Protein backbone atom coordinates (compact mmCIF):
# COMPACT_ATOMS: atom_id res chain seq x y z
CA UNK A 1 0.00 0.00 0.00
CA UNK A 2 1.34 3.42 -0.86
CA UNK A 3 0.38 6.51 1.07
CA UNK A 4 -0.73 9.88 -0.22
CA UNK A 5 1.65 12.84 -0.28
CA UNK A 6 0.59 14.13 3.15
CA UNK A 7 0.61 10.73 4.85
CA UNK A 8 3.17 8.68 6.76
CA UNK A 9 3.77 5.04 5.82
CA UNK A 10 3.54 2.98 9.01
CA UNK A 11 6.37 0.45 9.22
CA UNK A 12 3.88 -2.39 9.68
CA UNK A 13 1.61 -1.20 6.87
CA UNK A 14 -1.11 1.39 6.66
CA UNK A 15 -1.00 5.16 6.54
CA UNK A 16 -1.67 8.03 8.94
CA UNK A 17 -1.78 11.77 8.33
CA UNK A 18 1.58 13.52 8.63
CA UNK A 19 0.03 15.70 11.35
CA UNK A 20 -0.24 12.61 13.56
CA UNK A 21 3.46 11.73 13.35
CA UNK A 22 5.46 12.49 16.49
CA UNK A 23 2.44 13.88 18.38
CA UNK A 24 3.06 11.66 21.44
CA UNK A 25 0.07 9.46 20.58
CA UNK A 26 0.63 6.25 18.58
CA UNK A 27 -1.69 6.14 15.58
CA UNK A 28 -0.04 3.31 13.63
CA UNK A 29 -0.94 -0.14 14.96
CA UNK A 30 2.79 -0.77 15.52
CA UNK A 31 3.45 2.69 17.01
CA UNK A 32 5.96 3.50 14.28
CA UNK A 33 4.59 7.03 13.89
CA UNK A 34 6.14 7.78 17.30
CA UNK A 35 9.51 6.11 16.64
CA UNK A 36 12.74 8.10 16.91
CA UNK A 37 13.37 7.67 13.17
CA UNK A 38 9.93 8.97 12.23
CA UNK A 39 10.23 11.95 14.56
CA UNK A 40 13.70 12.88 13.31
CA UNK A 41 12.52 12.67 9.71
CA UNK A 42 9.41 14.73 10.44
CA UNK A 43 11.36 17.48 12.22
CA UNK A 44 14.24 17.49 9.74
CA UNK A 45 11.94 17.67 6.74
CA UNK A 46 10.52 20.96 8.00
CA UNK A 47 11.96 24.08 6.45
CA UNK A 48 14.75 25.55 8.51
CA UNK A 49 16.38 22.29 9.68
CA UNK A 50 19.50 20.39 8.64
CA UNK A 51 19.55 16.59 8.96
CA UNK A 52 22.57 15.11 10.72
CA UNK A 53 23.31 11.43 11.17
CA UNK A 54 20.64 10.47 13.71
CA UNK A 55 19.41 13.96 14.60
CA UNK A 56 18.73 17.38 13.13
CA UNK A 57 19.67 20.93 13.98
CA UNK A 58 18.33 24.36 13.01
CA UNK A 59 19.83 25.77 9.82
CA UNK A 60 21.19 28.67 11.87
CA UNK A 61 23.63 26.20 13.45
CA UNK A 62 24.98 25.13 10.03
CA UNK A 63 28.55 26.38 9.46
CA UNK A 64 28.52 28.46 12.65
CA UNK A 65 31.94 27.25 13.83
CA UNK A 66 30.51 24.84 16.42
CA UNK A 67 30.04 21.09 16.07
CA UNK A 68 26.36 20.44 16.70
CA UNK A 69 25.95 17.15 14.82
CA UNK A 70 27.62 14.10 16.36
CA UNK A 71 29.40 13.45 13.07
CA UNK A 72 30.33 17.12 12.50
CA UNK A 73 28.26 17.28 9.31
CA UNK A 74 26.99 20.75 10.16
CA UNK A 75 30.50 22.16 9.77
C-alpha cells in the first residue's frame, strides 16, 4: 500500500496523516509514527532544519563554527 503525499507510511503497513506523526500518541498499529526515526525525519523535513546522522539541527547552526551534529556534518 502506498500513502498519499501528506501521509506517513507505518512500518507495519497502513498510513496516517503527517500531522499525527510524532504527536506523542501512537496512531499506527505498531506505534511506528512515534519512533525516533519517524520523529527525526518529520522534524528534519521541515523548512529551517539540517539533517545530521541520527538527529537534526536548526539551519542557523549550520557552518557556525561549532560542532552540533555528532558526526560534525553541520561544519
